[in-house]
Amino acid sequence: MSDKHETGPETTAIGVTHSAASVGGKRQLAEEEVAAINALPAESALLIAQGGPNNSARFLLDADLSQSSRTEEGIVAGRHPEADIFLDDVTVSRKHALFQFNAGTFDLTDIGSLNGTYVNGDRVDHVTLTNGDEVRIGKFVFVYYASTAH
C-alpha cells in the first residue's frame, strides 16, 4: 500500500491502521474490516463496498472460486441473479465483469458491459489489480485488498 495509510498508531500487516485507515480520501475502514483483510487466506482478496446501497459489504475473491465458477472461468460480477457478485442496479450489465486469479493476484476483465468497468477512475478492458485499487462497476464502488498470507 502507499503512504496514504501511515497515520495511525496500530499499523497492521498490510499497512492499514485501526484508527485512520482510508484510501484516496474515502471513508475510514472499520476495525472489523481491517481484521477481515488481515485474516484473508493465501490466494484470496476482498472487495469492500464504499458508500451506496452496499456500503461496507464485503465480497471474497478466492482462487478456488475463480477456477470453479458455475458460469465462467472466474468470478462474475453482474446484475444476473446467479452472478457470483450480485449487483442489483440497471447501471450494471447482467454479466458485467470477471475476476480471475492469475499468478498470485486477481485480474479484472470487463465482459462486454454497456457502462464499462473502471479502476482508479480509468475505464479498463483488462487489468491486474493491486492493493488499494478502486473498482467501479456501474454505480458500485469497491476497494480491492489482496491477501498478504503466503
Foldseek 3Di string as FASTA:
>chain_A
DDPQAPDDDAQDPVSHDQPAGDFPPADHDHPVVVVVLAPDAFQKKWWAWGDDPRHRPIAIAHQVCCCDPDPDNFQFEFCAPRGNHHDPDPQTHRGAWGWHRDDRFIKIAGDPTPNAKDWPRHGDRMDTDDFQIWIDGRNIIIGMRHHPHD
